[in-house]
Amino acid sequence: MTTDTPHILLVNPWIDDFAAYDVWAQPMGLLMLGGLLRAQGYRLSYIDCLDRFHPRAPRSDPFARHGRGPYLKTPLRAPRGLADIPRRYSRYGIRAKWFREDLAALPPPDLILVTAMMTYWYPGLQATIAALRRAYPQVPILLGGIYATLCHEHATRCSGADHVVPGPVDSRLLKTIARLTGYSPREPFDPNDLDTCPYPAWDLRRRLNYVPVITTMGCPYDCAYCASAFLQPRFRRRRPRAVIEEVLFWHRSAGIEDFVIYDDAFLVQAESHAIPILEGLIRTGARLRFHTPNALHIRHLDPPTARLLARAGFH
């Protein structure tokens, strides 16, 4: 059992693909986990391999204020089987040299946590884990997130991670991290109760120009084409007051005006959830903008709700 507080490195990996564009894309699960770990006393570092605001990245981003823009990219040879696609295959994100330098500037971690937001982005994840392995050959690497959950066998066999943990951020994952670090933290919250959890560690980002917000986890529907039920088996909602308090926290403490709703079905059961949130936001008088790159659930959209969305600042 170690007597020092463990240092955990969180890493958002590169994307290897024919196209990728940043539309308010942040690793929500990884930084939710970061918030939980910090509340337990762990020391954290964070490297975002997709960081468009890296000190050495070019400064020519017309959408920087609102959080959208192109990733830096490095051309690569297309993988076997994809060479006949008439598009340029690239690695999206910071240069490999910058990543090595950023790693070298950190104190050695006791554990590395990596995620992957899309299953088919695993080649960029493989390259990221290989670079981490070269920098820290003795440090265990744990992979979680969407790829680890939906393609667990493939991720276990191909990712290069030492440990692949499927499923949502919950007590099981926290216990695995405690076992790997030899640290027994207290849990002043219930990770299964969204309102007791600390806010995601968005402040670890290099530039905080917008904040994603989750008001619900999962979806009450089980559509055949959607992975939501696999990623979040239970549909859970936060209290409307708790959502409003989080938005006001980031607005007042960090000057954030742009918020991004990551819900799978924000308008489900709107009378007891979305509508009280919208009405509460309007009452604050704060001048805010809300963006919905994920799912409002259009079945529940009617003219009165649309007017509330517009008054609250939704775009």
Protein backbone atom coordinates (compact mmCIF):
# COMPACT_ATOMS: atom_id res chain seq x y z
CA MET A 1 0.00 0.00 0.00
CA THR A 2 1.54 3.27 -1.10
CA THR A 3 1.62 6.17 1.32
CA ASP A 4 1.79 8.84 -1.39
CA THR A 5 -1.25 10.06 -3.27
CA PRO A 6 -1.11 8.39 -6.70
CA HIS A 7 -0.61 10.46 -9.81
CA ILE A 8 -2.94 9.51 -12.69
CA LEU A 9 -2.47 10.66 -16.27
CA LEU A 10 -5.64 11.03 -18.38
CA VAL A 11 -5.14 10.87 -22.15
CA ASN A 12 -7.54 11.62 -25.01
CA PRO A 13 -5.98 9.88 -28.04
CA TRP A 14 -5.32 10.78 -31.66
CA ILE A 15 -7.86 10.11 -34.41
CA ASP A 16 -6.67 8.22 -37.52
CA ASP A 17 -9.31 8.61 -40.23
CA PHE A 18 -10.14 10.07 -43.63
CA ALA A 19 -11.95 12.99 -42.02
CA ALA A 20 -12.45 14.45 -38.55
CA TYR A 21 -13.71 17.84 -37.40
CA ASP A 22 -14.15 19.23 -33.93
CA VAL A 23 -17.83 19.95 -33.30
CA TRP A 24 -17.83 20.47 -29.52
CA ALA A 25 -16.17 17.07 -29.10
CA GLN A 26 -14.76 16.38 -25.64
CA PRO A 27 -14.14 13.10 -23.76
CA MET A 28 -17.02 13.46 -21.29
CA GLY A 29 -16.54 10.06 -19.64
CA LEU A 30 -12.80 10.55 -19.13
CA LEU A 31 -13.19 13.98 -17.52
CA MET A 32 -16.20 12.86 -15.49
CA LEU A 33 -13.91 10.17 -14.13
CA GLY A 34 -11.26 12.84 -13.57
CA GLY A 35 -13.67 14.81 -11.41
CA LEU A 36 -14.45 11.72 -9.33
CA LEU A 37 -10.78 10.80 -8.92
CA ARG A 38 -9.77 14.32 -7.90
CA ALA A 39 -12.52 14.36 -5.27
CA GLN A 40 -11.02 11.13 -3.91
CA GLY A 41 -7.61 12.77 -3.54
CA TYR A 42 -5.75 11.52 -6.62
CA ARG A 43 -3.32 13.87 -8.36
CA LEU A 44 -4.21 14.33 -12.03
CA SER A 45 -2.56 15.34 -15.28
CA TYR A 46 -4.31 15.53 -18.65
CA ILE A 47 -3.04 15.43 -22.22
CA ASP A 48 -5.44 15.91 -25.10
CA CYS A 49 -3.92 14.58 -28.31
CA LEU A 50 -6.67 16.45 -30.19
CA ASP A 51 -5.89 19.79 -28.54
CA ARG A 52 -6.50 22.52 -31.14
CA PHE A 53 -5.10 25.11 -28.72
CA HIS A 54 -1.71 23.51 -28.11
CA PRO A 55 0.95 26.23 -27.69
CA ARG A 56 2.68 25.07 -30.87
CA ALA A 57 -0.46 24.74 -32.99
CA PRO A 58 -1.25 27.40 -35.64
CA ARG A 59 -3.60 30.23 -34.66
CA SER A 60 -6.04 30.45 -37.57
CA ASP A 61 -9.35 29.24 -36.18
CA PRO A 62 -12.40 31.38 -37.04
CA PHE A 63 -14.67 29.26 -34.81
CA ALA A 64 -12.43 29.15 -31.72
CA ARG A 65 -14.78 31.28 -29.65
CA HIS A 66 -17.66 28.85 -29.97
CA GLY A 67 -15.67 25.64 -29.72
CA ARG A 68 -15.74 24.32 -33.28
CA GLY A 69 -12.94 24.07 -35.79
CA PRO A 70 -10.58 21.83 -37.77
CA TYR A 71 -8.08 19.58 -36.08
CA LEU A 72 -4.44 19.77 -37.06
CA LYS A 73 -3.67 16.77 -39.26
CA THR A 74 -0.64 14.78 -40.39
CA PRO A 75 -0.97 12.67 -43.58
CA LEU A 76 -0.50 8.91 -43.15
CA ARG A 77 -0.48 5.89 -45.41
CA ALA A 78 -3.96 4.37 -45.49
CA PRO A 79 -4.29 1.01 -43.72
CA ARG A 80 -4.50 -2.22 -45.70
CA GLY A 81 -7.93 -2.59 -47.25
CA LEU A 82 -8.59 1.15 -47.34
CA ALA A 83 -5.94 2.27 -49.82
CA ASP A 84 -8.42 2.53 -52.72
CA ILE A 85 -10.55 5.17 -50.97
CA PRO A 86 -9.91 8.44 -52.88
CA ARG A 87 -9.31 10.59 -49.80
CA ARG A 88 -6.27 11.49 -47.75
CA TYR A 89 -5.89 9.33 -44.64
CA SER A 90 -4.46 11.37 -41.76
CA ARG A 91 -3.69 11.50 -38.07
CA TYR A 92 -5.76 14.26 -36.48
CA GLY A 93 -4.33 16.01 -33.46
CA ILE A 94 -1.05 17.32 -32.12
CA ARG A 95 2.26 16.35 -33.66
CA ALA A 96 3.95 13.22 -32.28
CA LYS A 97 6.98 15.28 -31.21
CA TRP A 98 4.78 17.61 -29.17
CA PHE A 99 3.16 14.63 -27.47
CA ARG A 100 6.57 13.21 -26.51
CA GLU A 101 7.66 16.57 -25.15
CA ASP A 102 4.46 17.02 -23.17
CA LEU A 103 4.88 13.57 -21.64
CA ALA A 104 8.51 14.27 -20.74
CA ALA A 105 7.47 17.45 -18.91
CA LEU A 106 5.14 15.56 -16.56
CA PRO A 107 6.02 13.84 -13.30
CA PRO A 108 5.92 10.05 -13.84
CA PRO A 109 2.37 8.75 -13.41
CA ASP A 110 1.35 5.72 -11.36
CA LEU A 111 -1.45 4.84 -13.78
CA ILE A 112 -2.53 6.00 -17.24
CA LEU A 113 -6.20 6.16 -18.23
CA VAL A 114 -7.08 6.33 -21.93
CA THR A 115 -10.41 6.48 -23.73
CA ALA A 116 -11.66 6.31 -27.33
CA MET A 117 -14.83 8.11 -28.36
CA MET A 118 -15.54 6.05 -31.51
CA THR A 119 -14.94 2.34 -32.10
CA TYR A 120 -13.47 2.83 -35.59
CA TRP A 121 -10.91 5.31 -34.26
CA TYR A 122 -8.93 2.48 -32.65
CA PRO A 123 -5.87 2.92 -34.97
CA GLY A 124 -5.23 6.35 -33.44
CA LEU A 125 -5.73 4.85 -30.00
CA GLN A 126 -3.20 2.10 -30.78
CA ALA A 127 -0.63 4.71 -31.81
CA THR A 128 -1.32 6.75 -28.68
CA ILE A 129 -0.89 3.76 -26.37
CA ALA A 130 2.31 2.75 -28.20
CA ALA A 131 3.74 6.25 -27.59
CA LEU A 132 2.72 6.08 -23.93
CA ARG A 133 4.37 2.68 -23.61
CA ARG A 134 7.64 4.02 -24.97
CA ALA A 135 7.55 6.94 -22.55
CA TYR A 136 6.48 4.91 -19.49
CA PRO A 137 7.27 1.22 -20.10
CA GLN A 138 6.48 0.18 -16.51
CA VAL A 139 3.29 2.16 -15.94
CA PRO A 140 0.00 0.25 -16.33
CA ILE A 141 -2.40 1.57 -18.98
CA LEU A 142 -6.16 1.22 -18.50
CA LEU A 143 -8.57 1.68 -21.40
CA GLY A 144 -12.24 2.53 -20.92
CA GLY A 145 -15.01 4.23 -22.84
CA ILE A 146 -17.09 3.49 -25.92
CA TYR A 147 -14.60 1.32 -27.81
CA ALA A 148 -13.74 -0.67 -24.68
CA THR A 149 -17.44 -1.31 -24.08
CA LEU A 150 -18.80 -2.04 -27.56
CA CYS A 151 -15.75 -3.92 -28.89
CA HIS A 152 -14.34 -5.33 -25.66
CA GLU A 153 -12.73 -8.44 -27.16
CA HIS A 154 -11.14 -6.49 -30.00
CA ALA A 155 -9.92 -3.78 -27.61
CA THR A 156 -8.43 -6.38 -25.27
CA ARG A 157 -6.62 -8.07 -28.14
CA CYS A 158 -5.58 -5.08 -30.24
CA SER A 159 -5.40 -1.83 -28.25
CA GLY A 160 -2.12 -2.47 -26.42
CA ALA A 161 -3.64 -1.50 -23.04
CA ASP A 162 -2.86 -3.60 -19.98
CA HIS A 163 -6.44 -3.43 -18.70
CA VAL A 164 -9.65 -2.92 -20.68
CA VAL A 165 -12.67 -2.05 -18.54
CA PRO A 166 -16.08 -1.94 -20.28
CA GLY A 167 -19.14 -0.12 -19.04
CA PRO A 168 -19.95 3.31 -17.61
CA VAL A 169 -18.07 5.31 -15.00
CA ASP A 170 -19.18 3.57 -11.81
CA SER A 171 -18.00 2.01 -8.54
CA ARG A 172 -16.51 -0.99 -10.32
CA LEU A 173 -14.19 1.20 -12.37
CA LEU A 174 -13.17 3.22 -9.32
CA LYS A 175 -12.37 0.01 -7.42
CA THR A 176 -10.23 -1.22 -10.34
CA ILE A 177 -8.27 2.05 -10.27
CA ALA A 178 -7.83 1.79 -6.48
CA ARG A 179 -6.51 -1.77 -6.87
CA LEU A 180 -4.04 -0.79 -9.60
CA THR A 181 -2.70 2.20 -7.64
CA GLY A 182 -2.72 0.55 -4.20
CA TYR A 183 -4.71 3.49 -2.89
CA SER A 184 -7.88 3.25 -0.82
CA PRO A 185 -9.71 6.56 -1.17
CA ARG A 186 -12.87 7.56 0.56
CA GLU A 187 -16.02 7.93 -1.55
CA PRO A 188 -17.88 11.06 -0.43
CA PHE A 189 -20.39 10.51 -3.25
CA ASP A 190 -22.44 7.82 -4.93
CA PRO A 191 -21.24 7.42 -8.53
CA ASN A 192 -24.64 5.94 -9.37
CA ASP A 193 -26.42 9.11 -8.19
CA LEU A 194 -25.62 11.81 -10.73
CA ASP A 195 -26.47 14.64 -8.34
CA THR A 196 -23.88 13.57 -5.75
CA CYS A 197 -20.96 13.45 -8.20
CA PRO A 198 -18.49 16.32 -8.54
CA TYR A 199 -18.43 18.24 -11.79
CA PRO A 200 -16.27 16.85 -14.61
CA ALA A 201 -12.70 18.14 -14.56
CA TRP A 202 -13.20 20.52 -17.49
CA ASP A 203 -10.66 22.88 -15.94
CA LEU A 204 -7.92 20.41 -16.94
CA ARG A 205 -8.39 21.50 -20.54
CA ARG A 206 -5.83 23.94 -21.87
CA ARG A 207 -8.51 26.36 -23.04
CA LEU A 208 -11.94 26.39 -21.47
CA ASN A 209 -14.10 28.13 -24.08
CA TYR A 210 -17.24 26.02 -23.61
CA VAL A 211 -18.51 23.36 -21.20
CA PRO A 212 -20.41 20.17 -22.06
CA VAL A 213 -23.26 19.29 -19.71
CA ILE A 214 -25.06 16.01 -19.06
CA THR A 215 -28.60 16.30 -17.65
CA THR A 216 -29.51 12.63 -18.24
CA MET A 217 -27.53 9.43 -18.72
CA GLY A 218 -28.78 6.85 -21.17
CA CYS A 219 -32.12 6.71 -22.95
CA PRO A 220 -35.50 5.14 -22.09
CA TYR A 221 -35.79 3.80 -25.64
CA ASP A 222 -33.95 0.83 -27.11
CA CYS A 223 -33.65 1.52 -30.84
CA ALA A 224 -32.02 -1.26 -32.84
CA TYR A 225 -29.57 1.12 -34.53
CA CYS A 226 -28.37 2.85 -31.34
CA ALA A 227 -25.68 1.83 -28.84
CA SER A 228 -27.02 3.93 -25.96
CA ALA A 229 -28.53 0.96 -24.11
CA PHE A 230 -25.18 -0.85 -24.20
CA LEU A 231 -23.20 2.16 -23.00
CA GLN A 232 -25.68 3.27 -20.31
CA PRO A 233 -28.01 0.37 -19.40
CA ARG A 234 -30.11 2.54 -17.05
CA PHE A 235 -31.82 5.84 -17.85
CA ARG A 236 -31.02 8.33 -15.08
CA ARG A 237 -31.88 11.98 -14.67
CA ARG A 238 -30.39 14.81 -12.64
CA ARG A 239 -32.53 17.20 -10.66
CA PRO A 240 -33.28 20.31 -12.76
CA ARG A 241 -31.94 22.54 -9.97
CA ALA A 242 -28.61 20.66 -10.00
CA VAL A 243 -28.25 21.21 -13.76
CA ILE A 244 -28.95 24.93 -13.42
CA GLU A 245 -26.44 25.21 -10.56
CA GLU A 246 -23.71 23.56 -12.67
CA VAL A 247 -24.34 25.90 -15.60
CA LEU A 248 -24.21 28.93 -13.29
CA PHE A 249 -21.04 27.62 -11.63
CA TRP A 250 -19.11 27.54 -14.90
CA HIS A 251 -20.65 30.80 -16.10
CA ARG A 252 -19.74 32.70 -12.94
CA SER A 253 -16.40 31.05 -12.12
CA ALA A 254 -14.96 30.77 -15.65
CA GLY A 255 -17.03 33.21 -17.71
CA ILE A 256 -18.44 30.43 -19.88
CA GLU A 257 -21.25 31.46 -22.23
CA ASP A 258 -21.42 28.40 -24.49
CA PHE A 259 -22.76 25.11 -23.14
CA VAL A 260 -23.16 21.84 -25.04
CA ILE A 261 -25.87 19.33 -24.11
CA TYR A 262 -24.53 15.78 -24.49
CA ASP A 263 -27.78 13.97 -23.55
CA ASP A 264 -29.15 11.13 -25.65
CA ALA A 265 -32.75 12.27 -25.11
CA PHE A 266 -32.92 15.70 -23.48
CA LEU A 267 -36.65 16.24 -24.09
CA VAL A 268 -37.91 12.88 -22.83
CA GLN A 269 -40.37 13.42 -19.95
CA ALA A 270 -39.93 17.15 -20.60
CA GLU A 271 -42.64 18.29 -18.18
CA SER A 272 -40.62 17.10 -15.18
CA HIS A 273 -37.13 17.59 -16.58
CA ALA A 274 -36.29 19.76 -19.61
CA ILE A 275 -39.04 22.32 -19.11
CA PRO A 276 -38.10 23.09 -15.46
CA ILE A 277 -34.46 23.38 -16.58
CA LEU A 278 -35.35 25.78 -19.40
CA GLU A 279 -37.63 27.87 -17.21
CA GLY A 280 -34.99 28.02 -14.48
CA LEU A 281 -32.30 29.09 -16.94
CA ILE A 282 -34.55 31.85 -18.28
CA ARG A 283 -35.20 33.11 -14.74
CA THR A 284 -31.46 33.49 -14.08
CA GLY A 285 -31.27 36.24 -16.73
CA ALA A 286 -27.85 34.95 -17.79
CA ARG A 287 -26.99 35.47 -21.46
CA LEU A 288 -26.01 31.97 -22.51
CA ARG A 289 -25.84 29.89 -25.67
CA PHE A 290 -26.71 26.17 -25.72
CA HIS A 291 -25.76 23.73 -28.47
CA THR A 292 -27.15 20.25 -29.12
CA PRO A 293 -24.85 18.13 -31.32
CA ASN A 294 -26.33 14.96 -29.82
CA ALA A 295 -30.04 14.22 -29.25
CA LEU A 296 -32.97 16.39 -28.25
CA HIS A 297 -35.43 13.61 -29.22
CA ILE A 298 -37.67 15.27 -31.76
CA ARG A 299 -40.75 13.21 -30.85
CA HIS A 300 -41.17 15.44 -27.81
CA LEU A 301 -40.60 18.76 -29.58
CA ASP A 302 -43.70 20.95 -29.82
CA PRO A 303 -44.18 24.72 -30.41
CA PRO A 304 -44.28 25.71 -26.68
CA THR A 305 -41.12 23.71 -25.95
CA ALA A 306 -39.41 25.15 -29.03
CA ARG A 307 -40.18 28.67 -27.81
CA LEU A 308 -38.73 27.82 -24.37
CA LEU A 309 -35.57 26.44 -26.00
CA ALA A 310 -35.15 29.64 -27.99
CA ARG A 311 -35.73 31.90 -24.95
CA ALA A 312 -33.19 29.90 -22.91
CA GLY A 313 -30.54 30.43 -25.59
CA PHE A 314 -30.57 27.12 -27.49
CA HIS A 315 -29.16 27.21 -31.02
